[in-house]
């Protein structure tokens, strides 16, 4: 469930932020903001579904997932294939996210 919540949150956040990008940088209609804001609300909701004791840890671990998802967006939505440095960086971030979320904690 945690992985699905993170992936869904990342897609929702990227789509919502892209709606603002499209409006402000690509001269799209202001109506792009309606689904964009709804998508950002979905993003916030999905993060609450992550099974973690503290919000800060949830958000920190989410950062790694967001970076990987942003590179997938770069490739699929913008047509720019991530290079090896993008890939290596994303893997490092995902490892860091896993350590933050699932690392052993003392009571």
C-alpha atoms as a PDB file:
ATOM      1  CA  UNK A   1       0.000   0.000   0.000  1.00  0.00           C
ATOM      2  CA  UNK A   2       2.846   2.405   0.826  1.00  0.00           C
ATOM      3  CA  UNK A   3       4.440   2.089  -2.612  1.00  0.00           C
ATOM      4  CA  UNK A   4       1.117   2.654  -4.366  1.00  0.00           C
ATOM      5  CA  UNK A   5       0.334   5.682  -2.213  1.00  0.00           C
ATOM      6  CA  UNK A   6       3.751   7.181  -2.961  1.00  0.00           C
ATOM      7  CA  UNK A   7       3.527   6.524  -6.706  1.00  0.00           C
ATOM      8  CA  UNK A   8      -0.012   7.899  -6.882  1.00  0.00           C
ATOM      9  CA  UNK A   9       1.010  10.948  -4.860  1.00  0.00           C
ATOM     10  CA  UNK A  10       3.978  11.594  -7.125  1.00  0.00           C
ATOM     11  CA  UNK A  11       1.886  11.379 -10.295  1.00  0.00           C
ATOM     12  CA  UNK A  12      -0.768  13.633  -8.784  1.00  0.00           C
ATOM     13  CA  UNK A  13       1.793  16.201  -7.639  1.00  0.00           C
ATOM     14  CA  UNK A  14       3.647  16.269 -10.941  1.00  0.00           C
ATOM     15  CA  UNK A  15       0.404  16.569 -12.923  1.00  0.00           C
ATOM     16  CA  UNK A  16      -0.823  19.357 -10.648  1.00  0.00           C
ATOM     17  CA  UNK A  17       2.435  21.266 -10.840  1.00  0.00           C
ATOM     18  CA  UNK A  18       2.591  20.765 -14.607  1.00  0.00           C
ATOM     19  CA  UNK A  19      -0.851  22.379 -14.911  1.00  0.00           C
ATOM     20  CA  UNK A  20       0.605  25.541 -13.349  1.00  0.00           C
ATOM     21  CA  UNK A  21       3.698  25.247 -15.576  1.00  0.00           C
ATOM     22  CA  UNK A  22       1.482  24.942 -18.654  1.00  0.00           C
ATOM     23  CA  UNK A  23      -0.568  27.981 -17.651  1.00  0.00           C
ATOM     24  CA  UNK A  24       2.354  30.223 -16.719  1.00  0.00           C
ATOM     25  CA  UNK A  25       5.131  29.022 -19.052  1.00  0.00           C
ATOM     26  CA  UNK A  26       3.318  27.503 -22.032  1.00  0.00           C
ATOM     27  CA  UNK A  27       0.516  30.100 -22.273  1.00  0.00           C
ATOM     28  CA  UNK A  28      -2.264  27.558 -21.741  1.00  0.00           C
ATOM     29  CA  UNK A  29      -5.705  28.591 -20.522  1.00  0.00           C
ATOM     30  CA  UNK A  30      -6.220  29.405 -16.858  1.00  0.00           C
ATOM     31  CA  UNK A  31      -8.710  26.510 -16.879  1.00  0.00           C
ATOM     32  CA  UNK A  32      -5.705  24.165 -16.703  1.00  0.00           C
ATOM     33  CA  UNK A  33      -5.590  25.124 -13.029  1.00  0.00           C
ATOM     34  CA  UNK A  34      -8.911  23.437 -12.196  1.00  0.00           C
ATOM     35  CA  UNK A  35      -7.680  19.862 -12.703  1.00  0.00           C
ATOM     36  CA  UNK A  36      -4.258  20.991 -11.464  1.00  0.00           C
ATOM     37  CA  UNK A  37      -5.588  22.056  -8.068  1.00  0.00           C
ATOM     38  CA  UNK A  38      -7.715  18.893  -7.817  1.00  0.00           C
ATOM     39  CA  UNK A  39      -4.616  16.848  -8.583  1.00  0.00           C
ATOM     40  CA  UNK A  40      -2.631  18.633  -5.852  1.00  0.00           C
ATOM     41  CA  UNK A  41      -5.423  17.916  -3.353  1.00  0.00           C
ATOM     42  CA  UNK A  42      -5.302  14.242  -4.335  1.00  0.00           C
ATOM     43  CA  UNK A  43      -1.521  14.314  -3.824  1.00  0.00           C
ATOM     44  CA  UNK A  44      -1.905  15.588  -0.262  1.00  0.00           C
ATOM     45  CA  UNK A  45      -4.589  13.013   0.519  1.00  0.00           C
ATOM     46  CA  UNK A  46      -2.553  10.094  -0.840  1.00  0.00           C
ATOM     47  CA  UNK A  47       0.395  10.941   1.407  1.00  0.00           C
ATOM     48  CA  UNK A  48      -1.874  10.477   4.431  1.00  0.00           C
ATOM     49  CA  UNK A  49      -2.342   6.824   3.399  1.00  0.00           C
ATOM     50  CA  UNK A  50       1.333   5.974   3.906  1.00  0.00           C
ATOM     51  CA  UNK A  51       1.855   3.663   6.861  1.00  0.00           C
ATOM     52  CA  UNK A  52       4.379   5.697   8.847  1.00  0.00           C
ATOM     53  CA  UNK A  53       4.351   6.971  12.390  1.00  0.00           C
ATOM     54  CA  UNK A  54       5.451  10.542  11.633  1.00  0.00           C
ATOM     55  CA  UNK A  55       4.506  12.926   8.838  1.00  0.00           C
ATOM     56  CA  UNK A  56       8.042  14.298   8.468  1.00  0.00           C
ATOM     57  CA  UNK A  57       9.469  10.862   7.751  1.00  0.00           C
ATOM     58  CA  UNK A  58       6.683  10.193   5.277  1.00  0.00           C
ATOM     59  CA  UNK A  59       7.452  13.427   3.416  1.00  0.00           C
ATOM     60  CA  UNK A  60      11.215  12.879   3.495  1.00  0.00           C
ATOM     61  CA  UNK A  61      10.925   9.380   2.067  1.00  0.00           C
ATOM     62  CA  UNK A  62       8.454  10.646  -0.526  1.00  0.00           C
ATOM     63  CA  UNK A  63      11.135  12.956  -1.894  1.00  0.00           C
ATOM     64  CA  UNK A  64      13.037  10.023  -3.390  1.00  0.00           C
ATOM     65  CA  UNK A  65       9.910   8.665  -5.054  1.00  0.00           C
ATOM     66  CA  UNK A  66       9.103  12.121  -6.420  1.00  0.00           C
ATOM     67  CA  UNK A  67      12.532  12.432  -8.025  1.00  0.00           C
ATOM     68  CA  UNK A  68      12.194   9.085  -9.786  1.00  0.00           C
ATOM     69  CA  UNK A  69       8.668   9.917 -10.913  1.00  0.00           C
ATOM     70  CA  UNK A  70       9.743  13.317 -12.217  1.00  0.00           C
ATOM     71  CA  UNK A  71      12.318  11.621 -14.436  1.00  0.00           C
ATOM     72  CA  UNK A  72       9.662   9.243 -15.747  1.00  0.00           C
ATOM     73  CA  UNK A  73       7.507  12.332 -16.493  1.00  0.00           C
ATOM     74  CA  UNK A  74      10.467  13.939 -18.260  1.00  0.00           C
ATOM     75  CA  UNK A  75      10.726  10.895 -20.500  1.00  0.00           C
ATOM     76  CA  UNK A  76       7.060  10.064 -21.148  1.00  0.00           C
ATOM     77  CA  UNK A  77       5.385  13.488 -21.100  1.00  0.00           C
ATOM     78  CA  UNK A  78       8.201  15.709 -22.360  1.00  0.00           C
ATOM     79  CA  UNK A  79       9.994  13.275 -24.640  1.00  0.00           C
ATOM     80  CA  UNK A  80      13.435  13.728 -23.040  1.00  0.00           C
ATOM     81  CA  UNK A  81      15.134  10.462 -22.139  1.00  0.00           C
ATOM     82  CA  UNK A  82      16.905  10.620 -18.764  1.00  0.00           C
ATOM     83  CA  UNK A  83      20.649  10.078 -19.035  1.00  0.00           C
ATOM     84  CA  UNK A  84      22.774   7.821 -16.854  1.00  0.00           C
ATOM     85  CA  UNK A  85      23.381  10.598 -14.315  1.00  0.00           C
ATOM     86  CA  UNK A  86      19.646  11.129 -13.949  1.00  0.00           C
ATOM     87  CA  UNK A  87      19.219   7.395 -13.412  1.00  0.00           C
ATOM     88  CA  UNK A  88      22.077   7.083 -10.925  1.00  0.00           C
ATOM     89  CA  UNK A  89      20.795  10.087  -8.994  1.00  0.00           C
ATOM     90  CA  UNK A  90      17.280   8.668  -8.841  1.00  0.00           C
ATOM     91  CA  UNK A  91      18.544   5.296  -7.589  1.00  0.00           C
ATOM     92  CA  UNK A  92      20.565   7.020  -4.847  1.00  0.00           C
ATOM     93  CA  UNK A  93      17.496   9.022  -3.830  1.00  0.00           C
ATOM     94  CA  UNK A  94      15.279   5.930  -3.763  1.00  0.00           C
ATOM     95  CA  UNK A  95      17.823   4.113  -1.587  1.00  0.00           C
ATOM     96  CA  UNK A  96      17.846   7.083   0.767  1.00  0.00           C
ATOM     97  CA  UNK A  97      14.037   7.113   0.852  1.00  0.00           C
ATOM     98  CA  UNK A  98      13.978   3.405   1.725  1.00  0.00           C
ATOM     99  CA  UNK A  99      16.487   3.931   4.540  1.00  0.00           C
ATOM    100  CA  UNK A 100      14.423   6.800   5.963  1.00  0.00           C
ATOM    101  CA  UNK A 101      11.138   4.917   5.789  1.00  0.00           C
ATOM    102  CA  UNK A 102      12.174   1.379   6.749  1.00  0.00           C
ATOM    103  CA  UNK A 103      15.422   1.807   8.670  1.00  0.00           C
ATOM    104  CA  UNK A 104      15.472   0.183  12.129  1.00  0.00           C
ATOM    105  CA  UNK A 105      14.408   2.527  14.903  1.00  0.00           C
ATOM    106  CA  UNK A 106      15.182   2.270  18.569  1.00  0.00           C
ATOM    107  CA  UNK A 107      12.140   2.443  20.850  1.00  0.00           C
END
